[in-house]
Amino acid sequence: MFLARRHTPEGARFDLAHELGHLLPHSSDGPHSGAREEDEANQFAADFLIPPGIVHAHLRLHASLDDILRLKTALKVSAMAMLRAAYHHGKLSEREYRSHLTSLSARGFRTSEPGSALQYERSRVFDYVLSPDGGASIALPTKHSCRHRTCTRSCSAPNHTRSRAPPRQQAPLSARYSEWCTELHNQPCTR
């Protein structure tokens, strides 16, 4: 995935998480709806970057703008995304949300992240993959059963068999989302 630097680093992180949300199959069994898939990808990105459990643990009811900005910095997200998450998870009334929104807009947070020192994310393997070696010697882990704790495509152990596990049934989006969040944050996430 390549991202343009049209946004702030915080915005680019959201864009990346949004695109990751598109890699997960969407919840509909019927015809695809572009708007619904975009909403699901946005919700995934918001919950991935700003886990509900973190919002509840670190923001009190009627959170101040300073509290929101502190958590925004810690989570490396935009102030507007953090504000929306605080409102979405019941930490702000509608009046408080609108008041904070007006304050953030007046301070320039609608189009940028004033005072942010966050740098753009960069892949750890990007330079290597595009190097003259072409990434040819990267041994990627595979999911198969063998007697080795971690096995790679380059595994050459004697009597090695690669019996791949049968493909599993696709779980609904909410179940897959919960699995991702649990693995990432070591706690179940809720919507």
N, C-alpha and C. Protein backbone atom coordinates (compact mmCIF):
# COMPACT_ATOMS: atom_id res chain seq x y z
N MET A 1 0.84 -1.17 0.00
CA MET A 1 0.00 0.00 0.00
C MET A 1 0.89 1.24 0.00
N PHE A 2 0.60 2.16 -0.88
CA PHE A 2 1.31 3.42 -0.91
C PHE A 2 0.31 4.52 -0.57
N LEU A 3 0.71 5.44 0.29
CA LEU A 3 -0.16 6.54 0.69
C LEU A 3 0.47 7.86 0.30
N ALA A 4 -0.36 8.73 -0.25
CA ALA A 4 0.11 10.08 -0.56
C ALA A 4 0.23 10.86 0.74
N ARG A 5 1.10 11.82 0.75
CA ARG A 5 1.29 12.64 1.95
C ARG A 5 0.45 13.91 1.86
N ARG A 6 -0.80 13.75 1.47
CA ARG A 6 -1.71 14.89 1.40
C ARG A 6 -2.24 15.25 2.77
N HIS A 7 -2.16 14.32 3.68
CA HIS A 7 -2.69 14.51 5.03
C HIS A 7 -1.55 14.65 6.02
N THR A 8 -1.91 14.96 7.22
CA THR A 8 -0.95 14.96 8.32
C THR A 8 -0.53 13.52 8.59
N PRO A 9 0.55 13.29 9.34
CA PRO A 9 0.90 11.91 9.70
C PRO A 9 -0.25 11.19 10.41
N GLU A 10 -0.99 11.93 11.26
CA GLU A 10 -2.15 11.33 11.94
C GLU A 10 -3.21 10.91 10.92
N GLY A 11 -3.45 11.75 9.93
CA GLY A 11 -4.43 11.43 8.89
C GLY A 11 -3.97 10.27 8.03
N ALA A 12 -2.67 10.20 7.76
CA ALA A 12 -2.13 9.09 6.97
C ALA A 12 -2.28 7.77 7.72
N ARG A 13 -2.12 7.78 9.04
CA ARG A 13 -2.31 6.57 9.85
C ARG A 13 -3.76 6.10 9.75
N PHE A 14 -4.70 7.06 9.79
CA PHE A 14 -6.11 6.70 9.66
C PHE A 14 -6.37 6.11 8.27
N ASP A 15 -5.80 6.75 7.22
CA ASP A 15 -5.98 6.23 5.86
C ASP A 15 -5.47 4.80 5.75
N LEU A 16 -4.32 4.53 6.35
CA LEU A 16 -3.74 3.19 6.31
C LEU A 16 -4.64 2.18 7.03
N ALA A 17 -5.13 2.56 8.20
CA ALA A 17 -6.04 1.67 8.94
C ALA A 17 -7.35 1.47 8.17
N HIS A 18 -7.82 2.53 7.50
CA HIS A 18 -9.04 2.43 6.68
C HIS A 18 -8.83 1.41 5.56
N GLU A 19 -7.69 1.49 4.88
CA GLU A 19 -7.41 0.54 3.80
C GLU A 19 -7.25 -0.87 4.34
N LEU A 20 -6.68 -1.01 5.52
CA LEU A 20 -6.60 -2.31 6.17
C LEU A 20 -8.00 -2.86 6.41
N GLY A 21 -8.92 -1.97 6.79
CA GLY A 21 -10.32 -2.38 6.99
C GLY A 21 -10.95 -2.93 5.72
N HIS A 22 -10.50 -2.45 4.56
CA HIS A 22 -11.02 -2.98 3.29
C HIS A 22 -10.48 -4.38 2.99
N LEU A 23 -9.35 -4.74 3.60
CA LEU A 23 -8.80 -6.08 3.36
C LEU A 23 -9.60 -7.16 4.07
N LEU A 24 -10.33 -6.77 5.11
CA LEU A 24 -11.23 -7.71 5.79
C LEU A 24 -12.51 -7.80 4.99
N PRO A 25 -13.01 -8.99 4.76
CA PRO A 25 -14.28 -9.08 4.04
C PRO A 25 -15.37 -8.32 4.79
N HIS A 26 -16.23 -7.68 4.02
CA HIS A 26 -17.29 -6.88 4.62
C HIS A 26 -18.45 -7.76 5.06
N SER A 27 -19.32 -7.19 5.88
CA SER A 27 -20.36 -7.97 6.56
C SER A 27 -21.52 -8.39 5.68
N SER A 28 -21.71 -7.76 4.56
CA SER A 28 -22.92 -8.04 3.78
C SER A 28 -22.81 -9.35 3.02
N ASP A 29 -23.90 -10.05 2.97
CA ASP A 29 -23.98 -11.26 2.15
C ASP A 29 -24.61 -10.93 0.81
N GLY A 30 -25.30 -9.80 0.75
CA GLY A 30 -26.00 -9.39 -0.45
C GLY A 30 -25.11 -8.55 -1.35
N PRO A 31 -25.76 -7.78 -2.22
CA PRO A 31 -24.99 -6.94 -3.14
C PRO A 31 -24.13 -5.93 -2.36
N HIS A 32 -23.00 -5.61 -2.94
CA HIS A 32 -22.07 -4.69 -2.28
C HIS A 32 -22.58 -3.26 -2.36
N SER A 33 -22.47 -2.56 -1.28
CA SER A 33 -22.82 -1.16 -1.21
C SER A 33 -21.57 -0.38 -0.90
N GLY A 34 -21.13 0.46 -1.81
CA GLY A 34 -19.92 1.23 -1.61
C GLY A 34 -19.96 2.07 -0.35
N ALA A 35 -21.09 2.73 -0.10
CA ALA A 35 -21.19 3.59 1.08
C ALA A 35 -21.10 2.76 2.36
N ARG A 36 -21.75 1.60 2.39
CA ARG A 36 -21.71 0.76 3.59
C ARG A 36 -20.29 0.22 3.82
N GLU A 37 -19.61 -0.18 2.75
CA GLU A 37 -18.25 -0.69 2.89
C GLU A 37 -17.30 0.42 3.37
N GLU A 38 -17.50 1.63 2.89
CA GLU A 38 -16.68 2.75 3.36
C GLU A 38 -16.94 3.04 4.83
N ASP A 39 -18.21 2.99 5.24
CA ASP A 39 -18.55 3.19 6.65
C ASP A 39 -17.91 2.12 7.52
N GLU A 40 -17.94 0.86 7.07
CA GLU A 40 -17.33 -0.22 7.84
C GLU A 40 -15.82 -0.04 7.93
N ALA A 41 -15.19 0.37 6.83
CA ALA A 41 -13.74 0.60 6.85
C ALA A 41 -13.39 1.77 7.77
N ASN A 42 -14.20 2.82 7.75
CA ASN A 42 -13.97 3.95 8.66
C ASN A 42 -14.15 3.53 10.11
N GLN A 43 -15.17 2.73 10.40
CA GLN A 43 -15.40 2.28 11.76
C GLN A 43 -14.27 1.38 12.23
N PHE A 44 -13.81 0.50 11.35
CA PHE A 44 -12.68 -0.36 11.68
C PHE A 44 -11.45 0.50 12.02
N ALA A 45 -11.15 1.48 11.16
CA ALA A 45 -9.99 2.34 11.37
C ALA A 45 -10.09 3.08 12.70
N ALA A 46 -11.26 3.62 12.99
CA ALA A 46 -11.46 4.37 14.24
C ALA A 46 -11.26 3.45 15.44
N ASP A 47 -11.86 2.27 15.43
CA ASP A 47 -11.74 1.35 16.57
C ASP A 47 -10.35 0.73 16.66
N PHE A 48 -9.69 0.56 15.53
CA PHE A 48 -8.34 0.00 15.51
C PHE A 48 -7.35 0.97 16.12
N LEU A 49 -7.46 2.24 15.74
CA LEU A 49 -6.52 3.26 16.23
C LEU A 49 -6.90 3.82 17.60
N ILE A 50 -8.20 3.84 17.88
CA ILE A 50 -8.70 4.38 19.15
C ILE A 50 -9.61 3.31 19.78
N PRO A 51 -9.02 2.30 20.39
CA PRO A 51 -9.83 1.20 20.94
C PRO A 51 -10.81 1.70 22.00
N PRO A 52 -12.06 1.24 21.93
CA PRO A 52 -13.06 1.67 22.91
C PRO A 52 -12.63 1.47 24.34
N GLY A 53 -11.94 0.39 24.64
CA GLY A 53 -11.48 0.14 26.01
C GLY A 53 -10.51 1.21 26.49
N ILE A 54 -9.68 1.71 25.59
CA ILE A 54 -8.73 2.77 25.93
C ILE A 54 -9.49 4.07 26.20
N VAL A 55 -10.49 4.36 25.37
CA VAL A 55 -11.29 5.58 25.57
C VAL A 55 -11.95 5.53 26.95
N HIS A 56 -12.56 4.40 27.27
CA HIS A 56 -13.25 4.29 28.57
C HIS A 56 -12.27 4.33 29.74
N ALA A 57 -11.08 3.78 29.56
CA ALA A 57 -10.11 3.74 30.65
C ALA A 57 -9.42 5.09 30.89
N HIS A 58 -9.28 5.90 29.83
CA HIS A 58 -8.46 7.10 29.95
C HIS A 58 -9.21 8.43 29.83
N LEU A 59 -10.48 8.38 29.50
CA LEU A 59 -11.26 9.62 29.44
C LEU A 59 -12.40 9.54 30.44
N ARG A 60 -12.52 10.55 31.24
CA ARG A 60 -13.63 10.59 32.19
C ARG A 60 -14.87 11.14 31.48
N LEU A 61 -16.00 10.99 32.09
CA LEU A 61 -17.24 11.57 31.58
C LEU A 61 -17.08 13.08 31.57
N HIS A 62 -17.57 13.74 30.53
CA HIS A 62 -17.43 15.19 30.34
C HIS A 62 -15.95 15.58 30.23
N ALA A 63 -15.22 14.84 29.41
CA ALA A 63 -13.79 15.05 29.25
C ALA A 63 -13.49 16.46 28.77
N SER A 64 -12.41 17.01 29.30
CA SER A 64 -11.99 18.35 28.88
C SER A 64 -11.25 18.24 27.55
N LEU A 65 -11.11 19.37 26.88
CA LEU A 65 -10.38 19.39 25.62
C LEU A 65 -8.92 19.01 25.85
N ASP A 66 -8.35 19.41 26.97
CA ASP A 66 -6.97 19.03 27.29
C ASP A 66 -6.83 17.51 27.44
N ASP A 67 -7.82 16.87 28.08
CA ASP A 67 -7.80 15.41 28.22
C ASP A 67 -7.82 14.74 26.84
N ILE A 68 -8.67 15.25 25.97
CA ILE A 68 -8.80 14.70 24.61
C ILE A 68 -7.49 14.88 23.84
N LEU A 69 -6.88 16.04 23.95
CA LEU A 69 -5.62 16.29 23.24
C LEU A 69 -4.47 15.45 23.80
N ARG A 70 -4.46 15.20 25.10
CA ARG A 70 -3.43 14.33 25.69
C ARG A 70 -3.56 12.90 25.15
N LEU A 71 -4.79 12.38 25.11
CA LEU A 71 -4.99 11.01 24.62
C LEU A 71 -4.73 10.94 23.11
N LYS A 72 -5.08 11.98 22.38
CA LYS A 72 -4.81 12.05 20.94
C LYS A 72 -3.32 11.91 20.67
N THR A 73 -2.51 12.59 21.49
CA THR A 73 -1.06 12.53 21.32
C THR A 73 -0.54 11.12 21.65
N ALA A 74 -1.05 10.54 22.72
CA ALA A 74 -0.60 9.21 23.12
C ALA A 74 -0.95 8.15 22.08
N LEU A 75 -2.12 8.27 21.45
CA LEU A 75 -2.57 7.28 20.47
C LEU A 75 -2.12 7.62 19.05
N LYS A 76 -1.52 8.79 18.85
CA LYS A 76 -1.02 9.22 17.54
C LYS A 76 -2.13 9.32 16.51
N VAL A 77 -3.25 9.92 16.92
CA VAL A 77 -4.39 10.13 16.03
C VAL A 77 -4.69 11.61 15.95
N SER A 78 -5.57 11.98 15.03
CA SER A 78 -5.93 13.39 14.91
C SER A 78 -6.84 13.81 16.06
N ALA A 79 -6.82 15.10 16.34
CA ALA A 79 -7.67 15.65 17.40
C ALA A 79 -9.14 15.45 17.05
N MET A 80 -9.50 15.63 15.79
CA MET A 80 -10.90 15.47 15.38
C MET A 80 -11.35 14.01 15.53
N ALA A 81 -10.50 13.06 15.18
CA ALA A 81 -10.85 11.64 15.34
C ALA A 81 -11.01 11.30 16.82
N MET A 82 -10.11 11.83 17.66
CA MET A 82 -10.20 11.57 19.09
C MET A 82 -11.47 12.17 19.67
N LEU A 83 -11.82 13.37 19.22
CA LEU A 83 -13.05 14.03 19.68
C LEU A 83 -14.27 13.22 19.28
N ARG A 84 -14.31 12.75 18.02
CA ARG A 84 -15.44 11.93 17.56
C ARG A 84 -15.55 10.64 18.37
N ALA A 85 -14.39 10.02 18.67
CA ALA A 85 -14.40 8.78 19.45
C ALA A 85 -14.92 9.05 20.87
N ALA A 86 -14.50 10.14 21.48
CA ALA A 86 -14.97 10.48 22.82
C ALA A 86 -16.49 10.67 22.83
N TYR A 87 -17.00 11.34 21.82
CA TYR A 87 -18.45 11.55 21.70
C TYR A 87 -19.16 10.22 21.42
N HIS A 88 -18.62 9.46 20.47
CA HIS A 88 -19.23 8.18 20.07
C HIS A 88 -19.33 7.21 21.25
N HIS A 89 -18.34 7.25 22.15
CA HIS A 89 -18.33 6.32 23.28
C HIS A 89 -18.93 6.92 24.55
N GLY A 90 -19.67 8.01 24.39
CA GLY A 90 -20.46 8.55 25.49
C GLY A 90 -19.71 9.36 26.52
N LYS A 91 -18.52 9.83 26.19
CA LYS A 91 -17.75 10.62 27.15
C LYS A 91 -18.08 12.11 27.07
N LEU A 92 -18.82 12.52 26.04
CA LEU A 92 -19.22 13.91 25.86
C LEU A 92 -20.69 13.99 25.50
N SER A 93 -21.35 15.04 25.99
CA SER A 93 -22.72 15.31 25.55
C SER A 93 -22.64 15.95 24.17
N GLU A 94 -23.76 16.07 23.50
CA GLU A 94 -23.76 16.71 22.18
C GLU A 94 -23.30 18.16 22.30
N ARG A 95 -23.73 18.84 23.34
CA ARG A 95 -23.34 20.24 23.55
C ARG A 95 -21.83 20.35 23.76
N GLU A 96 -21.26 19.44 24.58
CA GLU A 96 -19.81 19.45 24.82
C GLU A 96 -19.04 19.13 23.53
N TYR A 97 -19.57 18.16 22.79
CA TYR A 97 -18.93 17.79 21.52
C TYR A 97 -18.87 19.00 20.58
N ARG A 98 -20.01 19.69 20.42
CA ARG A 98 -20.05 20.86 19.52
C ARG A 98 -19.15 21.98 20.03
N SER A 99 -19.10 22.20 21.32
CA SER A 99 -18.24 23.23 21.90
C SER A 99 -16.76 22.91 21.64
N HIS A 100 -16.36 21.66 21.89
CA HIS A 100 -14.97 21.24 21.64
C HIS A 100 -14.65 21.31 20.14
N LEU A 101 -15.61 20.94 19.31
CA LEU A 101 -15.43 20.98 17.86
C LEU A 101 -15.16 22.42 17.40
N THR A 102 -15.92 23.36 17.93
CA THR A 102 -15.72 24.77 17.60
C THR A 102 -14.34 25.23 18.05
N SER A 103 -13.94 24.85 19.25
CA SER A 103 -12.62 25.23 19.77
C SER A 103 -11.49 24.65 18.92
N LEU A 104 -11.60 23.37 18.58
CA LEU A 104 -10.56 22.74 17.75
C LEU A 104 -10.49 23.38 16.38
N SER A 105 -11.65 23.67 15.79
CA SER A 105 -11.67 24.31 14.47
C SER A 105 -11.01 25.67 14.52
N ALA A 106 -11.30 26.45 15.55
CA ALA A 106 -10.71 27.78 15.69
C ALA A 106 -9.19 27.71 15.86
N ARG A 107 -8.70 26.61 16.43
CA ARG A 107 -7.26 26.45 16.65
C ARG A 107 -6.55 25.80 15.47
N GLY A 108 -7.29 25.51 14.38
CA GLY A 108 -6.69 24.97 13.16
C GLY A 108 -6.66 23.46 13.05
N PHE A 109 -7.34 22.76 13.95
CA PHE A 109 -7.30 21.30 13.93
C PHE A 109 -8.19 20.67 12.87
N ARG A 110 -9.03 21.41 12.22
CA ARG A 110 -9.88 20.81 11.18
C ARG A 110 -9.06 20.41 9.96
N THR A 111 -7.99 21.16 9.66
CA THR A 111 -7.21 20.88 8.46
C THR A 111 -5.77 20.47 8.75
N SER A 112 -5.31 20.58 10.00
CA SER A 112 -3.95 20.18 10.32
C SER A 112 -3.89 19.75 11.79
N GLU A 113 -2.70 19.45 12.25
CA GLU A 113 -2.48 19.07 13.65
C GLU A 113 -1.44 20.01 14.25
N PRO A 114 -1.85 21.22 14.62
CA PRO A 114 -0.89 22.19 15.15
C PRO A 114 -0.09 21.64 16.34
N GLY A 115 1.21 21.84 16.28
CA GLY A 115 2.07 21.41 17.38
C GLY A 115 2.46 19.95 17.36
N SER A 116 2.00 19.19 16.39
CA SER A 116 2.30 17.76 16.36
C SER A 116 3.74 17.52 15.92
N ALA A 117 4.41 16.62 16.60
CA ALA A 117 5.77 16.24 16.24
C ALA A 117 5.80 14.85 15.60
N LEU A 118 4.62 14.29 15.33
CA LEU A 118 4.53 12.94 14.78
C LEU A 118 5.10 12.92 13.37
N GLN A 119 5.89 11.90 13.08
CA GLN A 119 6.47 11.72 11.75
C GLN A 119 5.62 10.71 10.97
N TYR A 120 5.72 10.76 9.64
CA TYR A 120 5.01 9.80 8.81
C TYR A 120 5.54 8.40 9.06
N GLU A 121 4.65 7.43 9.04
CA GLU A 121 5.03 6.03 9.20
C GLU A 121 5.85 5.60 7.97
N ARG A 122 6.77 4.71 8.20
CA ARG A 122 7.56 4.18 7.08
C ARG A 122 7.73 2.68 7.32
N SER A 123 7.53 1.94 6.28
CA SER A 123 7.67 0.50 6.36
C SER A 123 9.09 0.12 6.76
N ARG A 124 9.22 -0.88 7.58
CA ARG A 124 10.55 -1.34 7.99
C ARG A 124 11.24 -2.16 6.91
N VAL A 125 10.47 -2.68 5.98
CA VAL A 125 11.07 -3.51 4.94
C VAL A 125 11.04 -2.85 3.57
N PHE A 126 10.45 -1.66 3.48
CA PHE A 126 10.28 -0.99 2.19
C PHE A 126 11.60 -0.85 1.44
N ASP A 127 12.63 -0.29 2.09
CA ASP A 127 13.92 -0.09 1.42
C ASP A 127 14.53 -1.42 0.99
N TYR A 128 14.39 -2.43 1.82
CA TYR A 128 14.98 -3.73 1.50
C TYR A 128 14.28 -4.38 0.30
N VAL A 129 12.96 -4.31 0.30
CA VAL A 129 12.20 -4.95 -0.78
C VAL A 129 12.54 -4.31 -2.12
N LEU A 130 12.78 -3.01 -2.13
CA LEU A 130 13.10 -2.32 -3.37
C LEU A 130 14.61 -2.25 -3.63
N SER A 131 15.40 -2.94 -2.82
CA SER A 131 16.84 -2.95 -3.00
C SER A 131 17.21 -3.88 -4.16
N PRO A 132 18.49 -3.86 -4.58
CA PRO A 132 18.91 -4.77 -5.67
C PRO A 132 18.62 -6.23 -5.36
N ASP A 133 18.64 -6.61 -4.07
CA ASP A 133 18.31 -8.00 -3.73
C ASP A 133 16.86 -8.31 -4.03
N GLY A 134 16.03 -7.29 -4.07
CA GLY A 134 14.62 -7.48 -4.37
C GLY A 134 13.86 -8.22 -3.30
N GLY A 135 14.42 -8.33 -2.13
CA GLY A 135 13.71 -9.01 -1.06
C GLY A 135 13.64 -10.50 -1.26
N ALA A 136 14.46 -11.02 -2.19
CA ALA A 136 14.37 -12.43 -2.53
C ALA A 136 14.71 -13.36 -1.38
N SER A 137 15.53 -12.90 -0.45
CA SER A 137 15.95 -13.81 0.61
C SER A 137 15.09 -13.71 1.87
N ILE A 138 13.97 -12.98 1.80
CA ILE A 138 13.09 -12.89 2.96
C ILE A 138 12.36 -14.22 3.11
N ALA A 139 12.44 -14.83 4.26
CA ALA A 139 11.72 -16.06 4.54
C ALA A 139 10.45 -15.71 5.28
N LEU A 140 9.33 -15.86 4.63
CA LEU A 140 8.05 -15.50 5.23
C LEU A 140 7.47 -16.69 5.98
N PRO A 141 6.93 -16.47 7.18
CA PRO A 141 6.29 -17.56 7.91
C PRO A 141 5.05 -18.05 7.17
N THR A 142 4.81 -19.33 7.24
CA THR A 142 3.60 -19.88 6.65
C THR A 142 2.84 -20.58 7.75
N LYS A 143 1.55 -20.77 7.52
CA LYS A 143 0.75 -21.47 8.51
C LYS A 143 0.58 -22.91 8.02
N HIS A 144 1.35 -23.78 8.57
CA HIS A 144 1.21 -25.20 8.31
C HIS A 144 1.69 -25.96 9.53
N SER A 145 1.30 -27.19 9.59
CA SER A 145 1.68 -27.94 10.78
C SER A 145 2.95 -28.74 10.51
N CYS A 146 3.89 -28.62 11.40
CA CYS A 146 5.09 -29.43 11.37
C CYS A 146 5.60 -29.51 12.81
N ARG A 147 6.69 -30.17 13.01
CA ARG A 147 7.18 -30.33 14.37
C ARG A 147 8.00 -29.15 14.85
N HIS A 148 8.20 -28.14 14.03
CA HIS A 148 8.98 -26.97 14.40
C HIS A 148 8.07 -25.90 14.98
N ARG A 149 8.58 -25.21 15.95
CA ARG A 149 7.78 -24.16 16.59
C ARG A 149 7.45 -23.05 15.59
N THR A 150 8.44 -22.56 14.88
CA THR A 150 8.22 -21.56 13.85
C THR A 150 8.82 -22.12 12.58
N CYS A 151 8.04 -22.21 11.56
CA CYS A 151 8.51 -22.80 10.33
C CYS A 151 8.36 -21.76 9.22
N THR A 152 9.29 -21.73 8.31
CA THR A 152 9.23 -20.78 7.21
C THR A 152 9.28 -21.54 5.89
N ARG A 153 9.05 -20.80 4.84
CA ARG A 153 9.08 -21.41 3.51
C ARG A 153 10.44 -22.04 3.23
N SER A 154 11.48 -21.51 3.86
CA SER A 154 12.82 -22.02 3.60
C SER A 154 13.20 -23.16 4.55
N CYS A 155 12.24 -23.69 5.29
CA CYS A 155 12.52 -24.76 6.23
C CYS A 155 13.00 -26.00 5.47
N SER A 156 14.13 -26.52 5.86
CA SER A 156 14.67 -27.69 5.16
C SER A 156 15.00 -28.81 6.15
N ALA A 157 14.21 -28.92 7.18
CA ALA A 157 14.45 -29.95 8.19
C ALA A 157 14.22 -31.33 7.58
N PRO A 158 14.97 -32.33 8.05
CA PRO A 158 14.76 -33.69 7.54
C PRO A 158 13.36 -34.18 7.89
N ASN A 159 12.79 -34.97 7.02
CA ASN A 159 11.45 -35.54 7.20
C ASN A 159 10.39 -34.47 7.43
N HIS A 160 10.58 -33.34 6.84
CA HIS A 160 9.63 -32.23 7.03
C HIS A 160 8.44 -32.38 6.10
N THR A 161 7.27 -32.26 6.65
CA THR A 161 6.07 -32.28 5.82
C THR A 161 5.32 -30.98 6.01
N ARG A 162 4.70 -30.52 4.98
CA ARG A 162 3.95 -29.27 5.04
C ARG A 162 2.47 -29.55 4.83
N SER A 163 1.86 -30.09 5.80
CA SER A 163 0.43 -30.34 5.68
C SER A 163 -0.31 -29.07 6.13
N ARG A 164 -0.83 -28.37 5.19
CA ARG A 164 -1.52 -27.11 5.49
C ARG A 164 -2.86 -27.39 6.16
N ALA A 165 -3.20 -26.52 7.08
CA ALA A 165 -4.49 -26.65 7.75
C ALA A 165 -5.60 -26.35 6.74
N PRO A 166 -6.74 -27.02 6.85
CA PRO A 166 -7.82 -26.73 5.91
C PRO A 166 -8.31 -25.30 6.09
N PRO A 167 -8.78 -24.67 5.00
CA PRO A 167 -9.27 -23.30 5.13
C PRO A 167 -10.46 -23.25 6.08
N ARG A 168 -10.48 -22.22 6.92
CA ARG A 168 -11.58 -22.12 7.88
C ARG A 168 -12.70 -21.29 7.29
N GLN A 169 -13.88 -21.50 7.83
CA GLN A 169 -15.04 -20.75 7.38
C GLN A 169 -14.88 -19.29 7.76
N GLN A 170 -15.37 -18.40 6.93
CA GLN A 170 -15.30 -16.98 7.23
C GLN A 170 -16.29 -16.64 8.34
N ALA A 171 -15.79 -16.03 9.39
CA ALA A 171 -16.65 -15.57 10.48
C ALA A 171 -17.24 -14.22 10.08
N PRO A 172 -18.34 -13.82 10.69
CA PRO A 172 -18.89 -12.50 10.40
C PRO A 172 -17.86 -11.42 10.71
N LEU A 173 -18.00 -10.25 10.08
CA LEU A 173 -17.06 -9.15 10.25
C LEU A 173 -16.87 -8.81 11.71
N SER A 174 -17.94 -8.77 12.48
CA SER A 174 -17.81 -8.38 13.88
C SER A 174 -16.93 -9.37 14.65
N ALA A 175 -17.03 -10.64 14.35
CA ALA A 175 -16.21 -11.64 15.03
C ALA A 175 -14.75 -11.50 14.62
N ARG A 176 -14.49 -11.30 13.31
CA ARG A 176 -13.13 -11.13 12.84
C ARG A 176 -12.53 -9.85 13.42
N TYR A 177 -13.33 -8.80 13.48
CA TYR A 177 -12.88 -7.53 14.04
C TYR A 177 -12.49 -7.71 15.50
N SER A 178 -13.32 -8.43 16.24
CA SER A 178 -13.05 -8.67 17.66
C SER A 178 -11.76 -9.46 17.83
N GLU A 179 -11.54 -10.47 16.97
CA GLU A 179 -10.31 -11.25 17.03
C GLU A 179 -9.09 -10.37 16.79
N TRP A 180 -9.17 -9.50 15.78
CA TRP A 180 -8.06 -8.59 15.47
C TRP A 180 -7.76 -7.70 16.67
N CYS A 181 -8.78 -7.09 17.23
CA CYS A 181 -8.58 -6.18 18.35
C CYS A 181 -8.02 -6.90 19.56
N THR A 182 -8.52 -8.10 19.82
CA THR A 182 -8.04 -8.86 20.97
C THR A 182 -6.56 -9.17 20.80
N GLU A 183 -6.16 -9.58 19.58
CA GLU A 183 -4.76 -9.87 19.34
C GLU A 183 -3.91 -8.61 19.46
N LEU A 184 -4.41 -7.49 18.97
CA LEU A 184 -3.64 -6.25 18.97
C LEU A 184 -3.51 -5.65 20.36
N HIS A 185 -4.59 -5.59 21.10
CA HIS A 185 -4.61 -4.86 22.36
C HIS A 185 -4.66 -5.74 23.60
N ASN A 186 -4.64 -7.06 23.41
CA ASN A 186 -4.72 -8.01 24.51
C ASN A 186 -5.98 -7.82 25.37
N GLN A 187 -7.02 -7.33 24.75
CA GLN A 187 -8.31 -7.22 25.44
C GLN A 187 -9.40 -7.19 24.37
N PRO A 188 -10.55 -7.74 24.68
CA PRO A 188 -11.63 -7.71 23.68
C PRO A 188 -12.11 -6.28 23.45
N CYS A 189 -12.41 -5.98 22.21
CA CYS A 189 -12.93 -4.66 21.88
C CYS A 189 -14.42 -4.81 21.58
N THR A 190 -15.17 -3.79 21.86
CA THR A 190 -16.59 -3.81 21.57
C THR A 190 -16.92 -2.62 20.69
N ARG A 191 -18.03 -2.71 20.03
CA ARG A 191 -18.46 -1.60 19.17
C ARG A 191 -19.37 -0.69 19.93
